[in-house]
Protein backbone atom coordinates (compact mmCIF):
# COMPACT_ATOMS: atom_id res chain seq x y z
CA UNK A 1 33.45 71.26 -107.27
CA UNK A 2 31.00 69.10 -105.35
CA UNK A 3 30.73 68.64 -101.60
CA UNK A 4 32.36 65.70 -99.82
CA UNK A 5 28.99 64.32 -98.70
CA UNK A 6 27.60 64.35 -102.24
CA UNK A 7 30.75 62.75 -103.63
CA UNK A 8 30.58 59.94 -101.08
CA UNK A 9 26.88 59.41 -101.78
CA UNK A 10 27.60 58.99 -105.50
CA UNK A 11 30.52 56.66 -104.89
CA UNK A 12 28.51 54.40 -102.60
CA UNK A 13 25.65 54.36 -105.10
CA UNK A 14 28.08 53.09 -107.72
CA UNK A 15 29.27 49.97 -105.85
CA UNK A 16 27.43 46.93 -104.54
CA UNK A 17 28.36 43.96 -102.35
CA UNK A 18 30.61 41.37 -103.94
CA UNK A 19 29.13 37.93 -104.74
CA UNK A 20 28.83 35.27 -102.06
CA UNK A 21 31.14 32.30 -101.69
CA UNK A 22 31.34 29.40 -99.27
CA UNK A 23 34.40 29.15 -97.05
CA UNK A 24 35.53 26.74 -94.37
CA UNK A 25 34.96 27.95 -90.83
CA UNK A 26 38.70 28.54 -90.10
CA UNK A 27 38.84 30.93 -93.10
CA UNK A 28 35.77 32.95 -92.14
CA UNK A 29 37.22 35.36 -89.58
CA UNK A 30 36.80 38.98 -90.68
CA UNK A 31 34.52 38.05 -93.56
CA UNK A 32 30.98 39.39 -93.92
CA UNK A 33 28.05 37.01 -93.83
CA UNK A 34 26.00 36.80 -97.02
CA UNK A 35 23.37 34.65 -95.26
CA UNK A 36 22.27 34.47 -91.64
CA UNK A 37 23.70 31.69 -89.47
CA UNK A 38 20.83 29.54 -88.19
CA UNK A 39 21.33 27.00 -85.41
CA UNK A 40 21.38 23.44 -86.71
CA UNK A 41 20.87 22.01 -83.23
CA UNK A 42 19.78 22.92 -79.71
CA UNK A 43 22.46 23.89 -77.22
CA UNK A 44 22.67 22.33 -74.75
CA UNK A 45 20.72 19.45 -76.30
CA UNK A 46 19.55 18.20 -72.88
CA UNK A 47 19.57 19.42 -69.29
CA UNK A 48 23.21 19.30 -68.17
CA UNK A 49 25.08 19.86 -64.95
CA UNK A 50 26.89 23.15 -64.48
CA UNK A 51 29.16 21.68 -61.77
CA UNK A 52 30.77 18.50 -60.52
CA UNK A 53 28.69 16.79 -57.83
CA UNK A 54 25.64 14.54 -57.51
CA UNK A 55 22.37 14.58 -59.45
CA UNK A 56 19.43 13.89 -57.13
CA UNK A 57 15.91 14.84 -56.11
CA UNK A 58 15.89 18.00 -54.01
CA UNK A 59 13.13 16.58 -51.84
CA UNK A 60 15.47 13.79 -50.73
CA UNK A 61 18.51 15.98 -50.08
CA UNK A 62 17.84 17.59 -46.72
CA UNK A 63 20.79 18.45 -44.49
CA UNK A 64 22.35 15.25 -43.11
CA UNK A 65 20.50 12.90 -45.51
CA UNK A 66 22.30 9.87 -46.87
CA UNK A 67 21.59 8.84 -50.45
CA UNK A 68 22.57 5.72 -52.33
CA UNK A 69 24.83 6.37 -55.32
CA UNK A 70 23.44 4.28 -58.18
CA UNK A 71 25.71 5.32 -61.06
CA UNK A 72 27.92 7.86 -62.77
CA UNK A 73 27.27 10.43 -65.51
CA UNK A 74 30.45 11.83 -67.07
CA UNK A 75 30.26 14.33 -69.97
CA UNK A 76 29.55 12.42 -73.15
CA UNK A 77 28.44 9.25 -71.33
CA UNK A 78 24.93 9.76 -69.89
CA UNK A 79 23.72 7.55 -67.06
CA UNK A 80 21.42 4.96 -68.62
CA UNK A 81 18.87 4.81 -65.83
CA UNK A 82 16.89 7.29 -63.80
CA UNK A 83 17.11 8.71 -60.28
CA UNK A 84 14.52 7.38 -57.83
CA UNK A 85 13.68 8.22 -54.21
CA UNK A 86 16.74 8.19 -51.94
CA UNK A 87 19.14 7.84 -54.90
CA UNK A 88 21.90 9.96 -56.42
CA UNK A 89 24.13 9.80 -59.52
CA UNK A 90 27.71 11.03 -59.49
CA UNK A 91 27.80 13.71 -62.20
CA UNK A 92 30.40 15.95 -63.82
CA UNK A 93 30.31 19.36 -65.47
CA UNK A 94 28.57 19.25 -68.85
CA UNK A 95 27.09 15.79 -68.30
CA UNK A 96 23.43 14.99 -68.95
CA UNK A 97 21.20 15.22 -65.89
CA UNK A 98 19.47 11.83 -65.60
CA UNK A 99 15.67 11.59 -65.59
CA UNK A 100 14.16 12.01 -62.13
CA UNK A 101 16.87 14.36 -60.83
CA UNK A 102 16.01 18.03 -60.34
CA UNK A 103 19.05 19.39 -58.48
CA UNK A 104 22.84 19.11 -58.26
CA UNK A 105 24.55 18.63 -54.92
CA UNK A 106 28.00 20.18 -55.25
CA UNK A 107 30.85 17.81 -54.47
CA UNK A 108 32.24 20.29 -51.93
CA UNK A 109 28.89 20.16 -50.13
CA UNK A 110 28.90 16.36 -49.92
CA UNK A 111 30.88 13.57 -48.33
CA UNK A 112 31.29 10.28 -50.20
CA UNK A 113 30.97 7.27 -47.88
CA UNK A 114 31.35 4.06 -49.85
CA UNK A 115 28.21 3.58 -51.96
CA UNK A 116 26.48 6.51 -50.22
CA UNK A 117 26.78 10.27 -50.21
CA UNK A 118 26.17 12.47 -47.16
CA UNK A 119 24.42 15.83 -47.76
CA UNK A 120 26.30 18.61 -45.94
CA UNK A 121 24.28 21.46 -47.48
CA UNK A 122 20.83 21.00 -48.94
CA UNK A 123 20.57 22.00 -52.66
CA UNK A 124 17.65 23.85 -54.20
CA UNK A 125 15.56 22.38 -57.01
CA UNK A 126 16.93 23.53 -60.37
CA UNK A 127 20.21 24.74 -58.87
CA UNK A 128 23.31 24.13 -61.02
CA UNK A 129 21.30 22.71 -63.92
CA UNK A 130 21.62 24.22 -67.39
CA UNK A 131 18.33 23.62 -69.13
CA UNK A 132 18.13 22.29 -72.69
CA UNK A 133 18.20 25.24 -75.11
CA UNK A 134 19.62 27.65 -72.53
CA UNK A 135 22.08 28.97 -75.15
CA UNK A 136 20.05 28.53 -78.34
CA UNK A 137 17.53 26.26 -80.00
CA UNK A 138 17.53 24.60 -83.40
CA UNK A 139 16.24 26.97 -86.10
CA UNK A 140 17.08 30.16 -84.21
CA UNK A 141 18.91 32.88 -86.17
CA UNK A 142 22.20 33.39 -84.34
CA UNK A 143 24.09 35.77 -86.62
CA UNK A 144 22.47 38.10 -89.17
CA UNK A 145 23.57 38.67 -92.74
CA UNK A 146 25.94 41.64 -93.22
CA UNK A 147 27.74 40.88 -89.94
CA UNK A 148 31.53 40.95 -89.98
CA UNK A 149 32.62 37.81 -88.22
CA UNK A 150 34.63 38.03 -85.00
CA UNK A 151 36.39 35.22 -83.15
CA UNK A 152 33.32 35.01 -80.88
CA UNK A 153 31.07 34.64 -83.92
CA UNK A 154 33.26 31.85 -85.30
CA UNK A 155 32.92 30.00 -82.02
CA UNK A 156 29.14 30.42 -82.06
CA UNK A 157 28.87 29.18 -85.65
CA UNK A 158 30.96 26.15 -84.76
CA UNK A 159 28.78 25.41 -81.72
CA UNK A 160 25.75 25.64 -84.01
CA UNK A 161 27.31 22.87 -86.15
CA UNK A 162 28.33 24.94 -89.20
CA UNK A 163 31.58 23.71 -90.80
CA UNK A 164 31.09 26.16 -93.74
CA UNK A 165 29.74 29.69 -93.96
CA UNK A 166 28.34 31.77 -96.82
CA UNK A 167 30.24 35.05 -96.93
CA UNK A 168 30.84 37.84 -99.40
CA UNK A 169 33.98 37.44 -101.48
CA UNK A 170 36.75 39.82 -100.50
CA UNK A 171 36.60 42.82 -102.84
CA UNK A 172 39.29 42.76 -105.53
CA UNK A 173 40.82 46.21 -105.86
CA UNK A 174 43.11 47.08 -108.76
CA UNK A 175 45.67 49.77 -107.89
CA UNK A 176 47.38 51.67 -110.71
CA UNK A 177 50.02 54.31 -110.04
CA UNK A 178 50.82 56.60 -112.98
CA UNK A 179 53.64 58.99 -113.74
CA UNK A 180 57.01 59.16 -115.52
CA UNK A 181 58.64 60.39 -112.33
CA UNK A 182 57.91 57.44 -110.04
CA UNK A 183 59.90 54.24 -109.54
CA UNK A 184 59.48 51.23 -107.29
CA UNK A 185 61.26 51.22 -103.92
CA UNK A 186 64.79 49.88 -104.32
CA UNK A 187 65.08 50.65 -108.02
CA UNK A 188 67.43 53.28 -109.45
CA UNK A 189 65.91 56.75 -109.22
CA UNK A 190 66.37 58.85 -112.37
CA UNK A 191 67.04 62.58 -112.30
CA UNK A 192 63.91 64.33 -111.12
CA UNK A 193 62.33 61.06 -110.06
CA UNK A 194 60.71 59.98 -106.80
CA UNK A 195 59.97 56.65 -105.15
CA UNK A 196 56.41 55.40 -105.54
CA UNK A 197 54.65 55.14 -102.17
CA UNK A 198 50.96 55.47 -103.01
CA UNK A 199 50.36 51.99 -104.41
CA UNK A 200 51.96 50.31 -101.38
CA UNK A 201 50.10 52.45 -98.86
CA UNK A 202 46.81 51.90 -100.67
CA UNK A 203 47.39 48.15 -100.87
CA UNK A 204 47.92 48.07 -97.10
CA UNK A 205 44.76 50.14 -96.57
CA UNK A 206 42.78 47.76 -98.79
CA UNK A 207 44.02 44.74 -96.83
CA UNK A 208 43.21 46.43 -93.52
CA UNK A 209 39.69 47.07 -94.82
CA UNK A 210 39.08 43.46 -95.86
CA UNK A 211 39.92 43.67 -99.56
CA UNK A 212 42.40 41.91 -101.84
CA UNK A 213 44.66 44.44 -103.60
CA UNK A 214 46.08 43.88 -107.08
CA UNK A 215 48.99 46.28 -107.52
CA UNK A 216 49.48 46.86 -111.24
CA UNK A 217 52.79 47.88 -112.86
CA UNK A 218 53.47 51.61 -112.84
CA UNK A 219 52.10 53.26 -115.98
CA UNK A 220 54.18 56.09 -117.46
CA UNK A 221 52.57 59.31 -118.67
CA UNK A 222 51.46 57.76 -121.92
CA UNK A 223 47.83 57.26 -122.98
CA UNK A 224 48.40 53.82 -124.47
CA UNK A 225 50.34 52.62 -121.43
CA UNK A 226 47.66 53.82 -119.03
CA UNK A 227 44.91 52.23 -121.12
CA UNK A 228 46.80 48.92 -121.29
CA UNK A 229 47.45 48.89 -117.55
CA UNK A 230 43.83 49.66 -116.74
CA UNK A 231 42.75 46.77 -118.96
CA UNK A 232 44.35 44.40 -116.43
CA UNK A 233 41.83 45.55 -113.84
CA UNK A 234 38.80 44.41 -115.85
CA UNK A 235 38.13 41.54 -113.42
CA UNK A 236 38.40 43.73 -110.33
CA UNK A 237 35.48 45.06 -108.32
CA UNK A 238 37.04 48.53 -108.26
CA UNK A 239 39.97 50.20 -110.02
CA UNK A 240 41.89 52.82 -108.05
CA UNK A 241 44.37 55.05 -109.85
CA UNK A 242 46.80 57.53 -108.34
CA UNK A 243 48.23 60.49 -110.20
CA UNK A 244 47.10 61.93 -113.49
CA UNK A 245 43.85 63.27 -112.03
CA UNK A 246 44.58 66.99 -112.32
CA UNK A 247 44.59 69.34 -115.32
CA UNK A 248 48.23 69.40 -116.36
CA UNK A 249 49.52 68.28 -119.76
CA UNK A 250 50.76 65.03 -118.19
CA UNK A 251 47.57 64.30 -116.23
CA UNK A 252 46.25 61.76 -118.69
CA UNK A 253 43.99 59.36 -116.84
CA UNK A 254 40.69 60.70 -118.18
CA UNK A 255 41.91 61.22 -121.73
CA UNK A 256 43.60 57.81 -121.81
CA UNK A 257 40.59 55.92 -120.55
CA UNK A 258 37.88 57.84 -122.42
CA UNK A 259 38.40 55.87 -125.67
CA UNK A 260 38.39 52.65 -123.60
CA UNK A 261 34.82 53.23 -122.46
CA UNK A 262 35.36 55.35 -119.36
CA UNK A 263 32.29 57.31 -118.27
CA UNK A 264 32.93 60.21 -115.87
CA UNK A 265 30.51 60.83 -113.01
CA UNK A 266 32.31 63.70 -111.30
CA UNK A 267 35.70 65.34 -111.00
CA UNK A 268 36.91 67.80 -108.35
CA UNK A 269 35.76 67.83 -104.74
CA UNK A 270 35.58 70.75 -102.34
CA UNK A 271 38.07 69.24 -99.91
CA UNK A 272 41.65 69.67 -98.77
CA UNK A 273 43.78 67.73 -99.42
CA UNK A 274 42.42 65.96 -102.47
CA UNK A 275 40.57 68.40 -104.72
CA UNK A 276 41.35 66.57 -108.01
CA UNK A 277 39.49 63.30 -107.54
CA UNK A 278 37.83 61.27 -110.31
CA UNK A 279 34.83 58.95 -110.03
CA UNK A 280 33.36 57.04 -112.95
CA UNK A 281 32.88 53.70 -114.65
CA UNK A 282 35.26 51.85 -116.95
CA UNK A 283 33.16 49.40 -118.95
CA UNK A 284 31.29 48.17 -115.87
CA UNK A 285 34.17 48.49 -113.38
CA UNK A 286 33.84 51.41 -110.96
CA UNK A 287 36.94 53.61 -110.99
CA UNK A 288 38.24 55.97 -108.33
CA UNK A 289 41.03 58.30 -109.46
CA UNK A 290 43.01 59.62 -106.50
CA UNK A 291 45.46 62.53 -106.56
CA UNK A 292 49.16 61.83 -106.91
CA UNK A 293 50.32 63.65 -103.79
CA UNK A 294 50.85 60.93 -101.15
CA UNK A 295 48.94 62.63 -98.34
CA UNK A 296 46.11 63.62 -100.66
CA UNK A 297 45.84 60.06 -101.94
CA UNK A 298 45.67 58.55 -98.46
CA UNK A 299 43.30 61.11 -96.99
CA UNK A 300 40.96 60.63 -99.96
CA UNK A 301 41.26 56.87 -99.48
CA UNK A 302 40.20 57.25 -95.84
CA UNK A 303 37.23 59.43 -96.76
CA UNK A 304 36.04 57.60 -99.90
CA UNK A 305 37.78 54.27 -100.47
CA UNK A 306 37.22 52.80 -97.00
CA UNK A 307 33.42 53.36 -97.15
CA UNK A 308 33.40 51.91 -100.69
CA UNK A 309 35.27 48.85 -99.45
CA UNK A 310 32.72 48.38 -96.68
CA UNK A 311 29.89 48.43 -99.21
CA UNK A 312 31.77 46.02 -101.50
CA UNK A 313 32.42 43.71 -98.54
CA UNK A 314 28.72 43.52 -97.71
CA UNK A 315 28.82 45.84 -94.70
CA UNK A 316 26.60 48.86 -94.07
CA UNK A 317 28.46 51.85 -95.48
CA UNK A 318 28.50 55.55 -94.76
CA UNK A 319 30.96 58.28 -93.80
CA UNK A 320 33.89 57.20 -91.66
CA UNK A 321 33.13 57.67 -88.00
CA UNK A 322 34.37 60.69 -86.10
CA UNK A 323 34.60 61.42 -82.41
CA UNK A 324 34.66 64.62 -80.42
CA UNK A 325 37.94 66.14 -79.25
CA UNK A 326 39.30 69.45 -77.97
CA UNK A 327 41.73 71.50 -80.03
CA UNK A 328 45.24 71.56 -78.66
CA UNK A 329 46.14 74.78 -80.47
CA UNK A 330 44.41 77.65 -82.27
CA UNK A 331 43.16 77.16 -85.84
CA UNK A 332 42.47 79.83 -88.44
CA UNK A 333 39.15 80.19 -90.25
CA UNK A 334 38.55 77.68 -93.05
CA UNK A 335 37.75 78.47 -96.69
CA UNK A 336 35.09 76.89 -98.92
CA UNK A 337 36.71 73.44 -98.92
CA UNK A 338 36.23 70.76 -96.24
CA UNK A 339 39.60 70.33 -94.56
CA UNK A 340 41.18 67.19 -93.10
CA UNK A 341 43.94 68.42 -90.85
CA UNK A 342 46.63 66.00 -89.67
CA UNK A 343 46.94 66.04 -85.89
CA UNK A 344 48.41 64.27 -82.89
CA UNK A 345 45.94 62.93 -80.34
CA UNK A 346 46.49 62.85 -76.59
CA UNK A 347 44.57 63.04 -73.31
CA UNK A 348 44.50 66.01 -70.97
CA UNK A 349 44.51 65.76 -67.17
CA UNK A 350 40.72 65.33 -67.18
CA UNK A 351 40.84 62.48 -69.68
CA UNK A 352 39.46 64.48 -72.61
CA UNK A 353 40.73 63.65 -76.09
CA UNK A 354 42.90 66.49 -77.41
CA UNK A 355 43.77 67.00 -81.10
CA UNK A 356 46.84 69.10 -81.80
CA UNK A 357 47.21 69.89 -85.54
CA UNK A 358 50.70 69.95 -86.99
CA UNK A 359 51.77 73.49 -87.92
CA UNK A 360 52.65 72.53 -91.52
CA UNK A 361 50.01 70.64 -93.54
CA UNK A 362 51.63 70.18 -96.96
CA UNK A 363 50.09 67.32 -98.96
CA UNK A 364 53.48 65.83 -99.80
CA UNK A 365 54.59 65.28 -96.19
CA UNK A 366 54.22 61.55 -95.53
CA UNK A 367 56.34 61.69 -92.39
CA UNK A 368 53.83 64.08 -90.85
CA UNK A 369 50.94 61.82 -91.85
CA UNK A 370 52.73 58.81 -90.35
CA UNK A 371 53.05 60.68 -87.04
CA UNK A 372 49.43 61.76 -87.11
CA UNK A 373 46.93 59.91 -84.98
CA UNK A 374 43.89 61.54 -86.52
CA UNK A 375 42.36 63.99 -88.96
CA UNK A 376 40.59 67.07 -87.63
CA UNK A 377 37.55 67.61 -89.86
CA UNK A 378 36.78 71.25 -90.55
CA UNK A 379 33.63 72.00 -92.50
CA UNK A 380 33.62 74.66 -95.24
CA UNK A 381 33.72 78.24 -93.92
CA UNK A 382 34.35 77.07 -90.34
CA UNK A 383 35.26 80.13 -88.23
CA UNK A 384 38.55 80.50 -86.43
CA UNK A 385 38.73 78.16 -83.46
CA UNK A 386 40.83 78.77 -80.35
CA UNK A 387 42.53 76.01 -78.39
CA UNK A 388 40.00 74.16 -76.28
CA UNK A 389 37.27 74.34 -78.91
CA UNK A 390 35.32 71.18 -79.72
CA UNK A 391 36.11 69.52 -83.05
CA UNK A 392 35.38 66.23 -84.80
CA UNK A 393 38.28 63.85 -85.42
CA UNK A 394 38.77 60.74 -87.53
CA UNK A 395 40.96 58.34 -85.53
CA UNK A 396 43.29 56.69 -88.03
CA UNK A 397 44.24 53.76 -85.82
CA UNK A 398 40.60 52.68 -85.55
CA UNK A 399 40.60 52.27 -89.34
CA UNK A 400 43.82 50.29 -89.47
CA UNK A 401 45.49 53.10 -91.43
C-alpha cells in the first residue's frame, strides 16, 4: 500500500490541463482562463463626472458666485466646447468632463437661475472627477491565466471589450460502473441485486467540479463487456471506473483492461475507506479505478478525483483543503491507514467549529454520508483523541459534494 499523499502526487502527475477553446462571454462563467485577459481600452476613456451637477473651474466657484451655463454634457453626448472663465456646463454622472473644467459642483449645492447657476458650496479642484484610466488602461493584464471566472470577472472582461474568452475545455470524464449485481434506478432488481448509485453520484461530483461526465452503460462482470465499455471512453480526458478494483474472482477491471493496453501505476492505498484503488493509463487515457462500495467511491473521489479535475480544468491542483475543528466526541487510536471519518459539523457557544463523528462508519452507508457535513482526517497511527481535541476536517459543502 502507498500513502495518500504519494498516490495523489502520482495522479496529478498523470493528468494535464485540457486544451483551450474560445467561448462567448455569456458561456464563460466558471471556466478557467487559458490566456490572460488584457484590457483592449482605457476605462474610463476620458475624465468623467462621478455625480450630477455642473462642470466648472474651481477658481471661479467661490461661495455665492454666479456662473453662466453654456451647455450640457449628458453621458454619451460630450459637450463640444470648453469651459472658460465664469462659465459652467450642466453635467451628469458618467459624462465627459469638458476641457477647461477641473471640478464638479454638485446639483444639491447649486441653484439654477435661468441661464446661470448660483454656487451654494464651493467645490474643490478635482472633486467628483473620475480620471481617465482610473479603473484600468489599455494593455493592462486584468485577469491572469488559470483563473476560474466569477460573475465579477465576466463583468470586468466585458468592460475591457472582450466578447470572447480563451478558456480550457471542460474535462470529459467517462464513468463506468461494473458488476452483475447492480441495476439502474427504476429498473427491476434481480435477486441479490442492488441499485447503482455510484455513477450518478460521481456524475454530479464531476459537474460540481467543472467537468462534463459521460456515464457509460453498466458493464457486467465479464472481461469482454468491461473492455468494450471502456473503449467508449477513448475520447475522454479521464476514465473513472467503480467496482471490480479488489482481489475477488469477480473483480475484473485490471484483467479485462490489461489486454487492451492498460498500464498499472499503483493499486491499493493506505486509507479508509477506499483501500482498493487503481491508477494507470489505458492507451493514453488516464484511468482511476474506484472501489465499489458507495461511501468508499465518493470519499476517494473527494480525495483524488476532485484534485485531478482541477488540474484537468487548468486550475492549480493539490490536496483538498481542510480546516481546523474540535472533536465533538472521543475517538479511538487510528491504525496504519489514513482515515476519513464522516461527521456532522456545528458551532459551539464560542463559535468554534465542532466535528462530531457518526458512531458507525461502514463504507456502504450512503444515508450517513448524505447527513455528513465533513470528513475528519486522521493520519496513520494517530493516538486516541478525546472530545475537544483539534482535528482537520474536509467540508463537503465547500466542494459541492
